[in-house]
Amino acid sequence: ASPARCRHCNGPLGLPSAGASRDEST
């Protein structure tokens, strides 16, 4: 449960909105 951080800038990781980085098949 540790916050997921970017390895480059230490910013928070999230999942983008539909159509940006989604696997439509699954």
mmCIF file of all heavy atoms, coordinates in Angstrom:
data_MODEL
# 
_entry.id   MODEL 
# 
loop_
_atom_site.group_PDB 
_atom_site.id 
_atom_site.type_symbol 
_atom_site.label_atom_id 
_atom_site.label_alt_id 
_atom_site.label_comp_id 
_atom_site.label_asym_id 
_atom_site.label_entity_id 
_atom_site.label_seq_id 
_atom_site.pdbx_PDB_ins_code 
_atom_site.Cartn_x 
_atom_site.Cartn_y 
_atom_site.Cartn_z 
_atom_site.occupancy 
_atom_site.B_iso_or_equiv 
_atom_site.pdbx_formal_charge 
_atom_site.auth_seq_id 
_atom_site.auth_comp_id 
_atom_site.auth_asym_id 
_atom_site.auth_atom_id 
_atom_site.pdbx_PDB_model_num 
ATOM 1   N N   . ALA A 1 1  ? 0.804   -1.233 0.000   1.00 0.00 ? 1  ALA A N   1 
ATOM 2   C CA  . ALA A 1 1  ? 0.000   0.000  0.000   1.00 0.00 ? 1  ALA A CA  1 
ATOM 3   C C   . ALA A 1 1  ? 0.830   1.273  0.000   1.00 0.00 ? 1  ALA A C   1 
ATOM 4   O O   . ALA A 1 1  ? 0.313   2.351  0.270   1.00 0.00 ? 1  ALA A O   1 
ATOM 5   C CB  . ALA A 1 1  ? -0.980  0.025  1.161   1.00 0.00 ? 1  ALA A CB  1 
ATOM 6   N N   . SER A 1 2  ? 2.146   1.183  -0.318  1.00 0.00 ? 2  SER A N   1 
ATOM 7   C CA  . SER A 1 2  ? 2.956   2.394  -0.447  1.00 0.00 ? 2  SER A CA  1 
ATOM 8   C C   . SER A 1 2  ? 2.525   3.168  -1.683  1.00 0.00 ? 2  SER A C   1 
ATOM 9   O O   . SER A 1 2  ? 2.203   2.568  -2.718  1.00 0.00 ? 2  SER A O   1 
ATOM 10  C CB  . SER A 1 2  ? 4.440   2.037  -0.556  1.00 0.00 ? 2  SER A CB  1 
ATOM 11  O OG  . SER A 1 2  ? 4.885   1.401  0.615   1.00 0.00 ? 2  SER A OG  1 
ATOM 12  N N   . PRO A 1 3  ? 2.504   4.494  -1.634  1.00 0.00 ? 3  PRO A N   1 
ATOM 13  C CA  . PRO A 1 3  ? 2.108   5.271  -2.820  1.00 0.00 ? 3  PRO A CA  1 
ATOM 14  C C   . PRO A 1 3  ? 2.988   4.938  -4.015  1.00 0.00 ? 3  PRO A C   1 
ATOM 15  O O   . PRO A 1 3  ? 4.209   4.798  -3.888  1.00 0.00 ? 3  PRO A O   1 
ATOM 16  C CB  . PRO A 1 3  ? 2.304   6.724  -2.366  1.00 0.00 ? 3  PRO A CB  1 
ATOM 17  C CG  . PRO A 1 3  ? 2.214   6.677  -0.875  1.00 0.00 ? 3  PRO A CG  1 
ATOM 18  C CD  . PRO A 1 3  ? 2.797   5.365  -0.475  1.00 0.00 ? 3  PRO A CD  1 
ATOM 19  N N   . ALA A 1 4  ? 2.363   4.761  -5.170  1.00 0.00 ? 4  ALA A N   1 
ATOM 20  C CA  . ALA A 1 4  ? 3.096   4.463  -6.406  1.00 0.00 ? 4  ALA A CA  1 
ATOM 21  C C   . ALA A 1 4  ? 3.680   5.755  -6.953  1.00 0.00 ? 4  ALA A C   1 
ATOM 22  O O   . ALA A 1 4  ? 2.938   6.696  -7.257  1.00 0.00 ? 4  ALA A O   1 
ATOM 23  C CB  . ALA A 1 4  ? 2.175   3.808  -7.425  1.00 0.00 ? 4  ALA A CB  1 
ATOM 24  N N   . ARG A 1 5  ? 5.020   5.799  -7.104  1.00 0.00 ? 5  ARG A N   1 
ATOM 25  C CA  . ARG A 1 5  ? 5.713   7.009  -7.515  1.00 0.00 ? 5  ARG A CA  1 
ATOM 26  C C   . ARG A 1 5  ? 6.466   6.795  -8.818  1.00 0.00 ? 5  ARG A C   1 
ATOM 27  O O   . ARG A 1 5  ? 6.945   5.700  -9.109  1.00 0.00 ? 5  ARG A O   1 
ATOM 28  C CB  . ARG A 1 5  ? 6.702   7.449  -6.426  1.00 0.00 ? 5  ARG A CB  1 
ATOM 29  C CG  . ARG A 1 5  ? 6.041   7.921  -5.142  1.00 0.00 ? 5  ARG A CG  1 
ATOM 30  C CD  . ARG A 1 5  ? 5.400   9.274  -5.326  1.00 0.00 ? 5  ARG A CD  1 
ATOM 31  N NE  . ARG A 1 5  ? 4.749   9.756  -4.114  1.00 0.00 ? 5  ARG A NE  1 
ATOM 32  C CZ  . ARG A 1 5  ? 4.137   10.928 -4.034  1.00 0.00 ? 5  ARG A CZ  1 
ATOM 33  N NH1 . ARG A 1 5  ? 4.120   11.724 -5.092  1.00 0.00 ? 5  ARG A NH1 1 
ATOM 34  N NH2 . ARG A 1 5  ? 3.547   11.305 -2.929  1.00 0.00 ? 5  ARG A NH2 1 
ATOM 35  N N   . CYS A 1 6  ? 6.566   7.893  -9.584  1.00 0.00 ? 6  CYS A N   1 
ATOM 36  C CA  . CYS A 1 6  ? 7.316   7.875  -10.836 1.00 0.00 ? 6  CYS A CA  1 
ATOM 37  C C   . CYS A 1 6  ? 8.805   7.755  -10.517 1.00 0.00 ? 6  CYS A C   1 
ATOM 38  O O   . CYS A 1 6  ? 9.330   8.466  -9.650  1.00 0.00 ? 6  CYS A O   1 
ATOM 39  C CB  . CYS A 1 6  ? 7.029   9.148  -11.624 1.00 0.00 ? 6  CYS A CB  1 
ATOM 40  S SG  . CYS A 1 6  ? 8.039   9.362  -13.103 1.00 0.00 ? 6  CYS A SG  1 
ATOM 41  N N   . ARG A 1 7  ? 9.527   6.867  -11.236 1.00 0.00 ? 7  ARG A N   1 
ATOM 42  C CA  . ARG A 1 7  ? 10.953  6.685  -10.977 1.00 0.00 ? 7  ARG A CA  1 
ATOM 43  C C   . ARG A 1 7  ? 11.787  7.841  -11.527 1.00 0.00 ? 7  ARG A C   1 
ATOM 44  O O   . ARG A 1 7  ? 12.968  7.955  -11.223 1.00 0.00 ? 7  ARG A O   1 
ATOM 45  C CB  . ARG A 1 7  ? 11.427  5.360  -11.593 1.00 0.00 ? 7  ARG A CB  1 
ATOM 46  C CG  . ARG A 1 7  ? 11.404  5.322  -13.101 1.00 0.00 ? 7  ARG A CG  1 
ATOM 47  C CD  . ARG A 1 7  ? 11.766  3.950  -13.631 1.00 0.00 ? 7  ARG A CD  1 
ATOM 48  N NE  . ARG A 1 7  ? 10.650  3.025  -13.456 1.00 0.00 ? 7  ARG A NE  1 
ATOM 49  C CZ  . ARG A 1 7  ? 10.730  1.727  -13.749 1.00 0.00 ? 7  ARG A CZ  1 
ATOM 50  N NH1 . ARG A 1 7  ? 11.868  1.207  -14.161 1.00 0.00 ? 7  ARG A NH1 1 
ATOM 51  N NH2 . ARG A 1 7  ? 9.678   0.946  -13.614 1.00 0.00 ? 7  ARG A NH2 1 
ATOM 52  N N   . HIS A 1 8  ? 11.188  8.722  -12.330 1.00 0.00 ? 8  HIS A N   1 
ATOM 53  C CA  . HIS A 1 8  ? 11.924  9.840  -12.919 1.00 0.00 ? 8  HIS A CA  1 
ATOM 54  C C   . HIS A 1 8  ? 11.806  11.119 -12.085 1.00 0.00 ? 8  HIS A C   1 
ATOM 55  O O   . HIS A 1 8  ? 12.799  11.795 -11.826 1.00 0.00 ? 8  HIS A O   1 
ATOM 56  C CB  . HIS A 1 8  ? 11.436  10.098 -14.345 1.00 0.00 ? 8  HIS A CB  1 
ATOM 57  C CG  . HIS A 1 8  ? 11.666  8.945  -15.272 1.00 0.00 ? 8  HIS A CG  1 
ATOM 58  N ND1 . HIS A 1 8  ? 12.881  8.682  -15.846 1.00 0.00 ? 8  HIS A ND1 1 
ATOM 59  C CD2 . HIS A 1 8  ? 10.815  7.973  -15.707 1.00 0.00 ? 8  HIS A CD2 1 
ATOM 60  C CE1 . HIS A 1 8  ? 12.787  7.597  -16.617 1.00 0.00 ? 8  HIS A CE1 1 
ATOM 61  N NE2 . HIS A 1 8  ? 11.545  7.156  -16.546 1.00 0.00 ? 8  HIS A NE2 1 
ATOM 62  N N   . CYS A 1 9  ? 10.581  11.475 -11.679 1.00 0.00 ? 9  CYS A N   1 
ATOM 63  C CA  . CYS A 1 9  ? 10.379  12.745 -10.978 1.00 0.00 ? 9  CYS A CA  1 
ATOM 64  C C   . CYS A 1 9  ? 9.744   12.584 -9.607  1.00 0.00 ? 9  CYS A C   1 
ATOM 65  O O   . CYS A 1 9  ? 9.476   13.573 -8.933  1.00 0.00 ? 9  CYS A O   1 
ATOM 66  C CB  . CYS A 1 9  ? 9.524   13.690 -11.827 1.00 0.00 ? 9  CYS A CB  1 
ATOM 67  S SG  . CYS A 1 9  ? 7.787   13.187 -11.951 1.00 0.00 ? 9  CYS A SG  1 
ATOM 68  N N   . ASN A 1 10 ? 9.445   11.321 -9.217  1.00 0.00 ? 10 ASN A N   1 
ATOM 69  C CA  . ASN A 1 10 ? 8.822   11.017 -7.931  1.00 0.00 ? 10 ASN A CA  1 
ATOM 70  C C   . ASN A 1 10 ? 7.385   11.530 -7.836  1.00 0.00 ? 10 ASN A C   1 
ATOM 71  O O   . ASN A 1 10 ? 6.836   11.674 -6.751  1.00 0.00 ? 10 ASN A O   1 
ATOM 72  C CB  . ASN A 1 10 ? 9.639   11.581 -6.767  1.00 0.00 ? 10 ASN A CB  1 
ATOM 73  C CG  . ASN A 1 10 ? 9.350   10.845 -5.458  1.00 0.00 ? 10 ASN A CG  1 
ATOM 74  O OD1 . ASN A 1 10 ? 9.188   9.625  -5.461  1.00 0.00 ? 10 ASN A OD1 1 
ATOM 75  N ND2 . ASN A 1 10 ? 9.266   11.572 -4.361  1.00 0.00 ? 10 ASN A ND2 1 
ATOM 76  N N   . GLY A 1 11 ? 6.769   11.824 -8.981  1.00 0.00 ? 11 GLY A N   1 
ATOM 77  C CA  . GLY A 1 11 ? 5.373   12.241 -8.987  1.00 0.00 ? 11 GLY A CA  1 
ATOM 78  C C   . GLY A 1 11 ? 4.439   11.062 -8.795  1.00 0.00 ? 11 GLY A C   1 
ATOM 79  O O   . GLY A 1 11 ? 4.835   9.896  -8.919  1.00 0.00 ? 11 GLY A O   1 
ATOM 80  N N   . PRO A 1 12 ? 3.176   11.296 -8.469  1.00 0.00 ? 12 PRO A N   1 
ATOM 81  C CA  . PRO A 1 12 ? 2.218   10.203 -8.248  1.00 0.00 ? 12 PRO A CA  1 
ATOM 82  C C   . PRO A 1 12 ? 1.822   9.533  -9.564  1.00 0.00 ? 12 PRO A C   1 
ATOM 83  O O   . PRO A 1 12 ? 1.618   10.201 -10.578 1.00 0.00 ? 12 PRO A O   1 
ATOM 84  C CB  . PRO A 1 12 ? 1.025   10.912 -7.611  1.00 0.00 ? 12 PRO A CB  1 
ATOM 85  C CG  . PRO A 1 12 ? 1.108   12.315 -8.119  1.00 0.00 ? 12 PRO A CG  1 
ATOM 86  C CD  . PRO A 1 12 ? 2.567   12.624 -8.260  1.00 0.00 ? 12 PRO A CD  1 
ATOM 87  N N   . LEU A 1 13 ? 1.717   8.219  -9.538  1.00 0.00 ? 13 LEU A N   1 
ATOM 88  C CA  . LEU A 1 13 ? 1.258   7.476  -10.702 1.00 0.00 ? 13 LEU A CA  1 
ATOM 89  C C   . LEU A 1 13 ? -0.259  7.345  -10.668 1.00 0.00 ? 13 LEU A C   1 
ATOM 90  O O   . LEU A 1 13 ? -0.855  7.155  -9.611  1.00 0.00 ? 13 LEU A O   1 
ATOM 91  C CB  . LEU A 1 13 ? 1.885   6.081  -10.748 1.00 0.00 ? 13 LEU A CB  1 
ATOM 92  C CG  . LEU A 1 13 ? 3.389   5.993  -10.998 1.00 0.00 ? 13 LEU A CG  1 
ATOM 93  C CD1 . LEU A 1 13 ? 3.822   4.530  -11.047 1.00 0.00 ? 13 LEU A CD1 1 
ATOM 94  C CD2 . LEU A 1 13 ? 3.776   6.709  -12.285 1.00 0.00 ? 13 LEU A CD2 1 
ATOM 95  N N   . GLY A 1 14 ? -0.855  7.448  -11.842 1.00 0.00 ? 14 GLY A N   1 
ATOM 96  C CA  . GLY A 1 14 ? -2.291  7.254  -11.981 1.00 0.00 ? 14 GLY A CA  1 
ATOM 97  C C   . GLY A 1 14 ? -2.580  6.593  -13.300 1.00 0.00 ? 14 GLY A C   1 
ATOM 98  O O   . GLY A 1 14 ? -1.680  6.349  -14.113 1.00 0.00 ? 14 GLY A O   1 
ATOM 99  N N   . LEU A 1 15 ? -3.845  6.288  -13.526 1.00 0.00 ? 15 LEU A N   1 
ATOM 100 C CA  . LEU A 1 15 ? -4.252  5.703  -14.796 1.00 0.00 ? 15 LEU A CA  1 
ATOM 101 C C   . LEU A 1 15 ? -5.082  6.726  -15.551 1.00 0.00 ? 15 LEU A C   1 
ATOM 102 O O   . LEU A 1 15 ? -6.045  7.267  -15.000 1.00 0.00 ? 15 LEU A O   1 
ATOM 103 C CB  . LEU A 1 15 ? -5.050  4.420  -14.577 1.00 0.00 ? 15 LEU A CB  1 
ATOM 104 C CG  . LEU A 1 15 ? -4.220  3.268  -14.002 1.00 0.00 ? 15 LEU A CG  1 
ATOM 105 C CD1 . LEU A 1 15 ? -5.122  2.102  -13.660 1.00 0.00 ? 15 LEU A CD1 1 
ATOM 106 C CD2 . LEU A 1 15 ? -3.155  2.837  -14.988 1.00 0.00 ? 15 LEU A CD2 1 
ATOM 107 N N   . PRO A 1 16 ? -4.717  7.021  -16.799 1.00 0.00 ? 16 PRO A N   1 
ATOM 108 C CA  . PRO A 1 16 ? -5.403  8.083  -17.546 1.00 0.00 ? 16 PRO A CA  1 
ATOM 109 C C   . PRO A 1 16 ? -6.814  7.707  -17.914 1.00 0.00 ? 16 PRO A C   1 
ATOM 110 O O   . PRO A 1 16 ? -7.248  6.573  -17.752 1.00 0.00 ? 16 PRO A O   1 
ATOM 111 C CB  . PRO A 1 16 ? -4.523  8.253  -18.792 1.00 0.00 ? 16 PRO A CB  1 
ATOM 112 C CG  . PRO A 1 16 ? -3.852  6.938  -18.954 1.00 0.00 ? 16 PRO A CG  1 
ATOM 113 C CD  . PRO A 1 16 ? -3.648  6.388  -17.572 1.00 0.00 ? 16 PRO A CD  1 
ATOM 114 N N   . SER A 1 17 ? -7.526  8.709  -18.421 1.00 0.00 ? 17 SER A N   1 
ATOM 115 C CA  . SER A 1 17 ? -8.915  8.512  -18.812 1.00 0.00 ? 17 SER A CA  1 
ATOM 116 C C   . SER A 1 17 ? -9.007  7.617  -20.028 1.00 0.00 ? 17 SER A C   1 
ATOM 117 O O   . SER A 1 17 ? -8.020  7.289  -20.678 1.00 0.00 ? 17 SER A O   1 
ATOM 118 C CB  . SER A 1 17 ? -9.577  9.858  -19.112 1.00 0.00 ? 17 SER A CB  1 
ATOM 119 O OG  . SER A 1 17 ? -9.550  10.665 -17.969 1.00 0.00 ? 17 SER A OG  1 
ATOM 120 N N   . ALA A 1 18 ? -10.219 7.244  -20.354 1.00 0.00 ? 18 ALA A N   1 
ATOM 121 C CA  . ALA A 1 18 ? -10.468 6.322  -21.457 1.00 0.00 ? 18 ALA A CA  1 
ATOM 122 C C   . ALA A 1 18 ? -9.847  6.823  -22.746 1.00 0.00 ? 18 ALA A C   1 
ATOM 123 O O   . ALA A 1 18 ? -9.906  7.987  -23.085 1.00 0.00 ? 18 ALA A O   1 
ATOM 124 C CB  . ALA A 1 18 ? -11.971 6.132  -21.640 1.00 0.00 ? 18 ALA A CB  1 
ATOM 125 N N   . GLY A 1 19 ? -9.227  5.888  -23.461 1.00 0.00 ? 19 GLY A N   1 
ATOM 126 C CA  . GLY A 1 19 ? -8.672  6.216  -24.762 1.00 0.00 ? 19 GLY A CA  1 
ATOM 127 C C   . GLY A 1 19 ? -7.248  6.674  -24.723 1.00 0.00 ? 19 GLY A C   1 
ATOM 128 O O   . GLY A 1 19 ? -6.583  6.755  -25.746 1.00 0.00 ? 19 GLY A O   1 
ATOM 129 N N   . ALA A 1 20 ? -6.694  6.988  -23.529 1.00 0.00 ? 20 ALA A N   1 
ATOM 130 C CA  . ALA A 1 20 ? -5.326  7.478  -23.447 1.00 0.00 ? 20 ALA A CA  1 
ATOM 131 C C   . ALA A 1 20 ? -4.341  6.340  -23.284 1.00 0.00 ? 20 ALA A C   1 
ATOM 132 O O   . ALA A 1 20 ? -3.411  6.192  -24.046 1.00 0.00 ? 20 ALA A O   1 
ATOM 133 C CB  . ALA A 1 20 ? -5.190  8.474  -22.297 1.00 0.00 ? 20 ALA A CB  1 
ATOM 134 N N   . SER A 1 21 ? -4.517  5.503  -22.278 1.00 0.00 ? 21 SER A N   1 
ATOM 135 C CA  . SER A 1 21 ? -3.613  4.379  -22.061 1.00 0.00 ? 21 SER A CA  1 
ATOM 136 C C   . SER A 1 21 ? -4.415  3.187  -21.576 1.00 0.00 ? 21 SER A C   1 
ATOM 137 O O   . SER A 1 21 ? -4.136  2.604  -20.548 1.00 0.00 ? 21 SER A O   1 
ATOM 138 C CB  . SER A 1 21 ? -2.528  4.744  -21.045 1.00 0.00 ? 21 SER A CB  1 
ATOM 139 O OG  . SER A 1 21 ? -1.682  5.728  -21.539 1.00 0.00 ? 21 SER A OG  1 
ATOM 140 N N   . ARG A 1 22 ? -5.429  2.799  -22.319 1.00 0.00 ? 22 ARG A N   1 
ATOM 141 C CA  . ARG A 1 22 ? -6.292  1.708  -21.918 1.00 0.00 ? 22 ARG A CA  1 
ATOM 142 C C   . ARG A 1 22 ? -6.203  0.591  -22.928 1.00 0.00 ? 22 ARG A C   1 
ATOM 143 O O   . ARG A 1 22 ? -6.099  0.809  -24.136 1.00 0.00 ? 22 ARG A O   1 
ATOM 144 C CB  . ARG A 1 22 ? -7.750  2.202  -21.846 1.00 0.00 ? 22 ARG A CB  1 
ATOM 145 C CG  . ARG A 1 22 ? -7.973  3.286  -20.821 1.00 0.00 ? 22 ARG A CG  1 
ATOM 146 C CD  . ARG A 1 22 ? -8.357  2.721  -19.493 1.00 0.00 ? 22 ARG A CD  1 
ATOM 147 N NE  . ARG A 1 22 ? -9.534  1.888  -19.657 1.00 0.00 ? 22 ARG A NE  1 
ATOM 148 C CZ  . ARG A 1 22 ? -10.767 2.384  -19.772 1.00 0.00 ? 22 ARG A CZ  1 
ATOM 149 N NH1 . ARG A 1 22 ? -10.974 3.666  -19.738 1.00 0.00 ? 22 ARG A NH1 1 
ATOM 150 N NH2 . ARG A 1 22 ? -11.793 1.573  -19.914 1.00 0.00 ? 22 ARG A NH2 1 
ATOM 151 N N   . ASP A 1 23 ? -6.248  -0.636 -22.452 1.00 0.00 ? 23 ASP A N   1 
ATOM 152 C CA  . ASP A 1 23 ? -6.266  -1.813 -23.316 1.00 0.00 ? 23 ASP A CA  1 
ATOM 153 C C   . ASP A 1 23 ? -7.716  -2.141 -23.606 1.00 0.00 ? 23 ASP A C   1 
ATOM 154 O O   . ASP A 1 23 ? -8.413  -2.743 -22.803 1.00 0.00 ? 23 ASP A O   1 
ATOM 155 C CB  . ASP A 1 23 ? -5.568  -2.981 -22.605 1.00 0.00 ? 23 ASP A CB  1 
ATOM 156 C CG  . ASP A 1 23 ? -5.493  -4.236 -23.478 1.00 0.00 ? 23 ASP A CG  1 
ATOM 157 O OD1 . ASP A 1 23 ? -6.155  -4.246 -24.523 1.00 0.00 ? 23 ASP A OD1 1 
ATOM 158 O OD2 . ASP A 1 23 ? -4.767  -5.185 -23.089 1.00 0.00 ? 23 ASP A OD2 1 
ATOM 159 N N   . GLU A 1 24 ? -8.200  -1.713 -24.779 1.00 0.00 ? 24 GLU A N   1 
ATOM 160 C CA  . GLU A 1 24 ? -9.624  -1.843 -25.088 1.00 0.00 ? 24 GLU A CA  1 
ATOM 161 C C   . GLU A 1 24 ? -10.052 -3.300 -25.213 1.00 0.00 ? 24 GLU A C   1 
ATOM 162 O O   . GLU A 1 24 ? -11.207 -3.643 -25.019 1.00 0.00 ? 24 GLU A O   1 
ATOM 163 C CB  . GLU A 1 24 ? -9.944  -1.092 -26.389 1.00 0.00 ? 24 GLU A CB  1 
ATOM 164 C CG  . GLU A 1 24 ? -9.629  0.400  -26.327 1.00 0.00 ? 24 GLU A CG  1 
ATOM 165 C CD  . GLU A 1 24 ? -10.457 1.133  -25.309 1.00 0.00 ? 24 GLU A CD  1 
ATOM 166 O OE1 . GLU A 1 24 ? -11.481 0.612  -24.880 1.00 0.00 ? 24 GLU A OE1 1 
ATOM 167 O OE2 . GLU A 1 24 ? -10.059 2.255  -24.923 1.00 0.00 ? 24 GLU A OE2 1 
ATOM 168 N N   . SER A 1 25 ? -9.124  -4.193 -25.580 1.00 0.00 ? 25 SER A N   1 
ATOM 169 C CA  . SER A 1 25 ? -9.499  -5.585 -25.762 1.00 0.00 ? 25 SER A CA  1 
ATOM 170 C C   . SER A 1 25 ? -9.845  -6.271 -24.450 1.00 0.00 ? 25 SER A C   1 
ATOM 171 O O   . SER A 1 25 ? -10.672 -7.158 -24.383 1.00 0.00 ? 25 SER A O   1 
ATOM 172 C CB  . SER A 1 25 ? -8.354  -6.346 -26.445 1.00 0.00 ? 25 SER A CB  1 
ATOM 173 O OG  . SER A 1 25 ? -7.201  -6.336 -25.616 1.00 0.00 ? 25 SER A OG  1 
ATOM 174 N N   . THR A 1 26 ? -9.169  -5.866 -23.376 1.00 0.00 ? 26 THR A N   1 
ATOM 175 C CA  . THR A 1 26 ? -9.429  -6.469 -22.066 1.00 0.00 ? 26 THR A CA  1 
ATOM 176 C C   . THR A 1 26 ? -10.283 -5.581 -21.183 1.00 0.00 ? 26 THR A C   1 
ATOM 177 O O   . THR A 1 26 ? -10.695 -5.989 -20.107 1.00 0.00 ? 26 THR A O   1 
ATOM 178 C CB  . THR A 1 26 ? -8.101  -6.765 -21.344 1.00 0.00 ? 26 THR A CB  1 
ATOM 179 O OG1 . THR A 1 26 ? -7.415  -5.539 -21.146 1.00 0.00 ? 26 THR A OG1 1 
ATOM 180 C CG2 . THR A 1 26 ? -7.235  -7.705 -22.156 1.00 0.00 ? 26 THR A CG2 1 
# 
